[in-house]
């Protein structure tokens, strides 16, 4: 029994020592002096959210800083964006005092949030630079993905459709309507739910040949601006040829050989029988491999020496009304003038 007493004595001494140290620490904290010099501290956190608004509106908010030091705190402020206005920009705060700041943020663009950083330069030796952030939100009425529709190359006289997704922004999807479309376009809202919907955009067969551009206009609501979705397409002939023109030199010796490729835009097979219309001084031959179905025609154009400066090669297919044309030009070849290497002063 007496053998256990040394262990108990050591344990009791340790507890007494720990309690003594803890008492000294608490006593030091209670009597610790206030920090010397000025000291800046933000009231709350160093972030302010001034809310949501429309493009062009100005949102305002306030925040405070206090001087928890023992001397006057001087400050100068600088904002990161010319879309904001801060008051005051400089001043001083007495020990234990507070300073209120008013910040105004102008929303510049719909769908873009503003993040303004305010940098304070002070005489606080602990943090001579202090940072404060302000957020302002300008939500878009609708989120459209993708923001534009490009049909690419479309055969003339055919129709094509694309589907884009619409997500809820600042308005409800139930209030969204198709305000209108340009000519040769049609649009219809489908699969409208609480958070998303589908918009089917169709290019009509009446679209003219060439580069087509148009728009689909969506009206999110009575008080919201229209959302414009640009639409583009390259409406071209169903038969394509590359290159569509050949430039032949004049004065060269012997014949010159060139290759052209012909195919259908929709990827369907080409007719096995077709007629080539070309002048006598051009020899046009079909050098395509014997593959069935034939989806590509390779033409070898051999130009003999001649004096004609311009002509057209036409390919007539029985299933198409208009022939495909290849323009052939001849031009003079001029020698490069000799450049003198003598440098004049």
Protein backbone atom coordinates (compact mmCIF):
# COMPACT_ATOMS: atom_id res chain seq x y z
CA UNK A 1 0.00 0.00 0.00
CA UNK A 2 2.82 2.46 0.95
CA UNK A 3 4.56 1.74 -2.34
CA UNK A 4 1.78 3.57 -4.24
CA UNK A 5 2.18 6.84 -2.26
CA UNK A 6 5.10 8.26 -4.32
CA UNK A 7 3.04 7.94 -7.50
CA UNK A 8 0.06 9.71 -5.90
CA UNK A 9 2.31 12.50 -4.63
CA UNK A 10 3.78 13.10 -8.08
CA UNK A 11 0.28 13.18 -9.65
CA UNK A 12 -0.95 15.71 -7.08
CA UNK A 13 2.10 17.95 -7.66
CA UNK A 14 1.49 17.93 -11.43
CA UNK A 15 -2.15 18.95 -11.03
CA UNK A 16 -1.14 21.78 -8.69
CA UNK A 17 1.49 23.05 -11.13
CA UNK A 18 -0.95 22.98 -14.08
CA UNK A 19 -3.53 24.94 -12.11
CA UNK A 20 -0.92 27.52 -11.12
CA UNK A 21 0.21 28.08 -14.73
CA UNK A 22 -3.39 28.40 -15.93
CA UNK A 23 -4.10 31.01 -13.25
CA UNK A 24 -1.08 33.08 -14.31
CA UNK A 25 -2.14 32.96 -17.97
CA UNK A 26 -5.69 34.10 -17.18
CA UNK A 27 -4.40 36.83 -14.94
CA UNK A 28 -2.07 38.09 -17.72
CA UNK A 29 -4.93 38.19 -20.23
CA UNK A 30 -7.09 40.21 -17.83
CA UNK A 31 -4.43 42.83 -17.22
CA UNK A 32 -2.85 42.86 -20.71
CA UNK A 33 -2.55 46.43 -21.99
CA UNK A 34 -4.39 47.67 -25.12
CA UNK A 35 -2.42 47.43 -28.40
CA UNK A 36 -0.27 50.45 -29.03
CA UNK A 37 -0.73 52.69 -32.05
CA UNK A 38 -3.67 52.77 -34.49
CA UNK A 39 -5.35 49.51 -35.49
CA UNK A 40 -8.02 49.08 -38.19
CA UNK A 41 -10.79 46.52 -37.90
CA UNK A 42 -13.82 45.98 -40.15
CA UNK A 43 -17.18 45.79 -38.37
CA UNK A 44 -18.47 42.37 -39.38
CA UNK A 45 -16.71 40.78 -42.34
CA UNK A 46 -14.72 42.39 -45.14
CA UNK A 47 -17.37 41.58 -47.78
CA UNK A 48 -20.54 43.47 -48.73
CA UNK A 49 -23.26 42.30 -51.13
CA UNK A 50 -25.46 45.20 -52.31
CA UNK A 51 -27.99 42.93 -54.03
CA UNK A 52 -29.47 42.64 -57.54
CA UNK A 53 -30.62 45.16 -60.14
CA UNK A 54 -31.08 45.89 -63.83
CA UNK A 55 -28.46 47.12 -66.28
CA UNK A 56 -27.90 50.85 -65.84
CA UNK A 57 -29.10 50.93 -62.23
CA UNK A 58 -26.91 51.97 -59.29
CA UNK A 59 -26.97 49.90 -56.11
CA UNK A 60 -25.82 51.37 -52.79
CA UNK A 61 -24.69 49.98 -49.46
CA UNK A 62 -22.78 50.92 -46.31
CA UNK A 63 -20.11 49.36 -44.12
CA UNK A 64 -18.04 50.48 -41.12
CA UNK A 65 -14.50 50.30 -39.85
CA UNK A 66 -13.37 50.96 -36.30
CA UNK A 67 -10.10 51.94 -34.65
CA UNK A 68 -9.33 49.46 -31.86
CA UNK A 69 -5.89 51.03 -31.24
CA UNK A 70 -4.69 53.75 -28.91
CA UNK A 71 -3.84 56.45 -31.49
CA UNK A 72 -5.64 58.17 -34.37
CA UNK A 73 -6.07 56.01 -37.49
CA UNK A 74 -5.60 57.75 -40.85
CA UNK A 75 -6.73 56.14 -44.11
CA UNK A 76 -6.89 56.61 -47.87
CA UNK A 77 -9.16 54.43 -50.04
CA UNK A 78 -8.98 53.42 -53.70
CA UNK A 79 -11.55 51.43 -55.72
CA UNK A 80 -10.73 48.96 -58.51
CA UNK A 81 -13.60 49.91 -60.86
CA UNK A 82 -14.78 53.19 -62.37
CA UNK A 83 -18.32 51.83 -62.03
CA UNK A 84 -18.21 52.57 -58.29
CA UNK A 85 -18.28 55.63 -56.03
CA UNK A 86 -17.00 55.59 -52.43
CA UNK A 87 -17.48 58.22 -49.74
CA UNK A 88 -15.32 59.23 -47.93
CA UNK A 89 -12.09 58.45 -49.76
CA UNK A 90 -9.80 59.61 -46.94
CA UNK A 91 -9.97 60.69 -43.31
CA UNK A 92 -9.09 59.69 -39.77
CA UNK A 93 -10.70 57.73 -36.91
CA UNK A 94 -9.99 58.45 -33.23
CA UNK A 95 -9.20 55.59 -30.82
CA UNK A 96 -12.36 53.58 -30.14
CA UNK A 97 -14.24 55.45 -32.88
CA UNK A 98 -16.00 54.24 -36.04
CA UNK A 99 -16.21 55.46 -39.61
CA UNK A 100 -19.10 54.65 -41.94
CA UNK A 101 -18.52 54.33 -45.70
CA UNK A 102 -21.14 54.56 -48.46
CA UNK A 103 -20.46 52.63 -51.68
CA UNK A 104 -22.45 52.94 -54.93
CA UNK A 105 -22.01 50.42 -57.77
CA UNK A 106 -23.41 50.93 -61.29
CA UNK A 107 -24.51 47.77 -63.13
CA UNK A 108 -23.01 48.03 -66.62
CA UNK A 109 -24.28 44.94 -68.45
CA UNK A 110 -27.10 42.44 -68.14
CA UNK A 111 -25.87 39.04 -67.04
CA UNK A 112 -22.60 40.42 -65.64
CA UNK A 113 -21.84 40.75 -61.91
CA UNK A 114 -19.70 43.60 -60.60
CA UNK A 115 -16.90 42.90 -58.10
CA UNK A 116 -15.38 46.07 -56.64
CA UNK A 117 -12.21 45.83 -54.53
CA UNK A 118 -11.56 48.68 -52.08
CA UNK A 119 -7.95 49.01 -50.96
CA UNK A 120 -7.31 50.97 -47.75
CA UNK A 121 -3.89 52.46 -47.07
CA UNK A 122 -3.51 53.26 -43.34
CA UNK A 123 -0.94 54.12 -40.66
CA UNK A 124 -1.68 50.81 -38.96
CA UNK A 125 1.75 49.20 -38.67
CA UNK A 126 0.18 45.76 -38.32
CA UNK A 127 -1.72 45.96 -41.64
CA UNK A 128 -0.84 49.07 -43.66
CA UNK A 129 -2.94 47.66 -46.53
CA UNK A 130 -6.49 46.43 -45.91
CA UNK A 131 -8.84 44.97 -48.53
CA UNK A 132 -12.63 45.14 -48.70
CA UNK A 133 -14.81 43.58 -51.44
CA UNK A 134 -18.25 44.66 -52.73
CA UNK A 135 -20.48 42.49 -54.96
CA UNK A 136 -23.41 43.64 -57.14
CA UNK A 137 -25.47 41.36 -59.36
CA UNK A 138 -27.22 42.03 -62.69
CA UNK A 139 -28.93 38.73 -63.60
CA UNK A 140 -30.07 38.08 -67.13
CA UNK A 141 -33.75 37.47 -67.78
CA UNK A 142 -33.02 34.22 -69.61
CA UNK A 143 -29.97 32.00 -69.97
CA UNK A 144 -29.80 30.79 -73.59
CA UNK A 145 -27.30 28.10 -74.62
CA UNK A 146 -25.94 28.39 -77.23
CA UNK A 147 -26.40 32.14 -77.63
CA UNK A 148 -26.56 31.88 -81.44
CA UNK A 149 -27.65 29.27 -84.02
CA UNK A 150 -25.45 28.41 -87.00
CA UNK A 151 -26.86 25.86 -89.43
CA UNK A 152 -23.64 25.67 -91.43
CA UNK A 153 -23.95 24.66 -95.09
CA UNK A 154 -27.53 23.85 -96.10
CA UNK A 155 -28.67 22.76 -99.61
CA UNK A 156 -30.96 25.30 -101.18
CA UNK A 157 -34.65 24.36 -101.03
CA UNK A 158 -34.28 22.18 -97.92
CA UNK A 159 -35.20 22.66 -94.26
CA UNK A 160 -33.05 22.28 -91.15
CA UNK A 161 -33.68 22.56 -87.42
CA UNK A 162 -31.63 23.15 -84.27
CA UNK A 163 -32.61 22.97 -80.60
CA UNK A 164 -31.25 25.34 -77.99
CA UNK A 165 -31.76 25.20 -74.22
CA UNK A 166 -33.30 27.99 -72.15
CA UNK A 167 -32.74 28.18 -68.40
CA UNK A 168 -34.50 30.33 -65.86
CA UNK A 169 -32.85 33.66 -65.05
CA UNK A 170 -34.60 36.61 -63.40
CA UNK A 171 -38.04 35.70 -64.82
CA UNK A 172 -40.24 32.64 -64.78
CA UNK A 173 -40.16 30.39 -67.83
CA UNK A 174 -43.95 30.27 -67.89
CA UNK A 175 -43.98 33.93 -69.01
CA UNK A 176 -41.55 33.41 -71.94
CA UNK A 177 -43.01 33.71 -75.45
CA UNK A 178 -41.62 33.86 -79.00
CA UNK A 179 -41.94 37.54 -79.91
CA UNK A 180 -41.21 36.98 -83.59
CA UNK A 181 -38.75 35.76 -86.20
CA UNK A 182 -37.29 37.06 -89.43
CA UNK A 183 -38.49 35.75 -92.78
CA UNK A 184 -37.61 32.13 -93.65
CA UNK A 185 -37.39 31.19 -89.94
CA UNK A 186 -39.78 29.50 -87.50
CA UNK A 187 -39.40 28.96 -83.75
CA UNK A 188 -41.39 26.99 -81.18
CA UNK A 189 -41.01 26.51 -77.41
CA UNK A 190 -41.08 22.88 -76.28
CA UNK A 191 -40.56 20.94 -73.06
CA UNK A 192 -41.19 24.01 -70.90
CA UNK A 193 -40.63 23.20 -67.23
CA UNK A 194 -40.01 25.15 -64.05
CA UNK A 195 -36.28 25.60 -64.60
CA UNK A 196 -35.59 24.88 -68.29
CA UNK A 197 -37.18 24.70 -71.72
CA UNK A 198 -36.26 23.80 -75.30
CA UNK A 199 -36.53 26.18 -78.26
CA UNK A 200 -36.67 24.60 -81.72
CA UNK A 201 -35.45 26.91 -84.48
CA UNK A 202 -36.17 25.89 -88.09
CA UNK A 203 -34.75 27.23 -91.32
CA UNK A 204 -37.49 27.06 -93.95
CA UNK A 205 -36.98 25.79 -97.55
CA UNK A 206 -37.78 29.30 -98.82
CA UNK A 207 -34.41 30.64 -97.61
CA UNK A 208 -32.54 32.19 -100.56
CA UNK A 209 -29.13 31.04 -101.68
CA UNK A 210 -26.02 32.63 -100.23
CA UNK A 211 -25.22 33.74 -96.70
CA UNK A 212 -28.43 33.85 -94.67
CA UNK A 213 -28.71 35.84 -91.42
CA UNK A 214 -31.76 36.33 -89.24
CA UNK A 215 -32.93 36.51 -85.63
CA UNK A 216 -35.38 34.87 -83.25
CA UNK A 217 -36.76 37.21 -80.59
CA UNK A 218 -37.90 35.95 -77.19
CA UNK A 219 -40.01 38.01 -74.80
CA UNK A 220 -39.29 36.97 -71.18
CA UNK A 221 -42.19 39.02 -69.76
CA UNK A 222 -44.05 42.31 -69.91
CA UNK A 223 -41.42 44.31 -68.01
CA UNK A 224 -38.34 42.52 -69.44
CA UNK A 225 -36.34 43.32 -72.57
CA UNK A 226 -36.45 40.99 -75.56
CA UNK A 227 -33.71 38.39 -75.89
CA UNK A 228 -32.36 38.21 -79.46
CA UNK A 229 -30.90 34.94 -80.76
CA UNK A 230 -28.90 35.44 -84.01
CA UNK A 231 -29.31 32.77 -86.72
CA UNK A 232 -27.01 32.17 -89.69
CA UNK A 233 -26.64 29.63 -92.50
CA UNK A 234 -24.75 29.18 -95.73
CA UNK A 235 -27.47 28.23 -98.22
CA UNK A 236 -25.81 26.81 -101.30
CA UNK A 237 -26.36 24.52 -104.26
CA UNK A 238 -26.73 20.82 -103.54
CA UNK A 239 -23.69 20.12 -105.75
CA UNK A 240 -20.31 21.50 -104.72
CA UNK A 241 -17.04 21.81 -106.60
CA UNK A 242 -13.60 22.60 -105.25
CA UNK A 243 -11.91 24.60 -106.51
CA UNK A 244 -14.70 26.53 -108.22
CA UNK A 245 -12.25 28.41 -110.42
CA UNK A 246 -8.94 27.66 -112.14
CA UNK A 247 -6.26 30.20 -113.01
CA UNK A 248 -4.15 29.06 -115.99
CA UNK A 249 -0.92 30.79 -117.06
CA UNK A 250 -0.38 31.99 -120.62
CA UNK A 251 2.91 31.54 -122.43
CA UNK A 252 3.95 28.37 -120.62
CA UNK A 253 5.22 25.48 -122.67
CA UNK A 254 3.20 22.28 -122.88
CA UNK A 255 -0.09 21.43 -121.19
CA UNK A 256 -1.00 22.18 -117.57
CA UNK A 257 -2.98 19.68 -115.52
CA UNK A 258 -5.42 20.62 -112.72
CA UNK A 259 -7.79 18.59 -110.54
CA UNK A 260 -11.32 19.38 -109.35
CA UNK A 261 -13.55 17.51 -106.89
CA UNK A 262 -17.35 17.33 -107.15
CA UNK A 263 -19.71 16.00 -104.45
CA UNK A 264 -23.23 16.33 -103.10
CA UNK A 265 -23.75 18.48 -100.02
CA UNK A 266 -26.19 16.03 -98.45
CA UNK A 267 -23.71 13.14 -98.82
CA UNK A 268 -25.93 11.12 -101.16
CA UNK A 269 -24.43 9.20 -104.11
CA UNK A 270 -23.86 10.98 -107.41
CA UNK A 271 -25.42 9.90 -110.66
CA UNK A 272 -23.26 7.53 -112.70
CA UNK A 273 -24.08 9.30 -115.98
CA UNK A 274 -23.51 13.01 -116.50
CA UNK A 275 -22.46 15.30 -119.36
CA UNK A 276 -19.37 17.55 -119.51
CA UNK A 277 -19.54 20.79 -121.49
CA UNK A 278 -16.13 22.37 -122.21
CA UNK A 279 -14.33 24.19 -125.08
CA UNK A 280 -11.99 22.37 -127.45
CA UNK A 281 -8.80 23.75 -125.94
CA UNK A 282 -9.66 22.20 -122.56
CA UNK A 283 -9.57 18.46 -122.02
CA UNK A 284 -11.74 17.38 -119.06
CA UNK A 285 -11.51 13.75 -117.97
CA UNK A 286 -13.12 11.77 -115.16
CA UNK A 287 -10.33 10.26 -113.09
CA UNK A 288 -12.52 9.00 -110.22
CA UNK A 289 -11.87 5.53 -108.79
CA UNK A 290 -14.45 2.86 -109.64
CA UNK A 291 -16.32 2.80 -106.33
CA UNK A 292 -20.02 2.16 -105.82
CA UNK A 293 -21.91 4.10 -104.70
CA UNK A 294 -19.97 7.01 -106.08
CA UNK A 295 -20.05 9.98 -103.71
CA UNK A 296 -17.10 11.89 -105.18
CA UNK A 297 -16.05 12.76 -108.73
CA UNK A 298 -12.46 13.69 -109.50
CA UNK A 299 -11.98 15.68 -112.69
CA UNK A 300 -8.65 16.16 -114.44
CA UNK A 301 -8.59 19.39 -116.44
CA UNK A 302 -5.77 19.64 -118.98
CA UNK A 303 -5.25 23.07 -120.54
CA UNK A 304 -3.65 23.24 -123.98
CA UNK A 305 -1.94 26.40 -125.21
CA UNK A 306 -4.53 28.86 -126.46
CA UNK A 307 -5.51 32.48 -126.59
CA UNK A 308 -8.87 32.39 -124.80
CA UNK A 309 -8.75 34.33 -121.52
CA UNK A 310 -11.95 33.07 -119.87
CA UNK A 311 -14.30 30.11 -120.22
CA UNK A 312 -16.68 27.94 -118.20
CA UNK A 313 -16.80 24.17 -117.74
CA UNK A 314 -20.30 22.86 -117.00
CA UNK A 315 -21.30 19.48 -115.56
CA UNK A 316 -24.91 18.43 -116.30
CA UNK A 317 -26.50 15.87 -113.95
CA UNK A 318 -29.91 14.40 -114.81
CA UNK A 319 -31.30 14.75 -111.27
CA UNK A 320 -30.49 18.48 -110.98
CA UNK A 321 -31.93 21.31 -112.98
CA UNK A 322 -28.92 23.63 -112.90
CA UNK A 323 -25.43 22.47 -113.92
CA UNK A 324 -22.40 22.92 -111.73
CA UNK A 325 -19.88 25.37 -113.16
CA UNK A 326 -16.11 25.73 -112.97
CA UNK A 327 -14.69 29.07 -114.08
CA UNK A 328 -11.39 28.89 -115.98
CA UNK A 329 -9.21 31.99 -116.41
CA UNK A 330 -5.94 32.61 -118.26
CA UNK A 331 -3.56 35.41 -117.35
CA UNK A 332 -0.22 36.75 -118.54
CA UNK A 333 2.88 35.73 -116.63
CA UNK A 334 5.25 38.63 -116.08
CA UNK A 335 8.87 38.05 -115.01
CA UNK A 336 9.93 39.52 -111.69
CA UNK A 337 12.01 42.69 -112.20
CA UNK A 338 15.60 42.45 -111.11
CA UNK A 339 16.30 44.32 -107.89
CA UNK A 340 19.56 46.24 -107.75
CA UNK A 341 21.65 45.49 -104.69
CA UNK A 342 23.40 48.87 -104.90
CA UNK A 343 22.57 51.06 -101.91
CA UNK A 344 22.45 54.78 -102.66
CA UNK A 345 23.38 57.22 -99.93
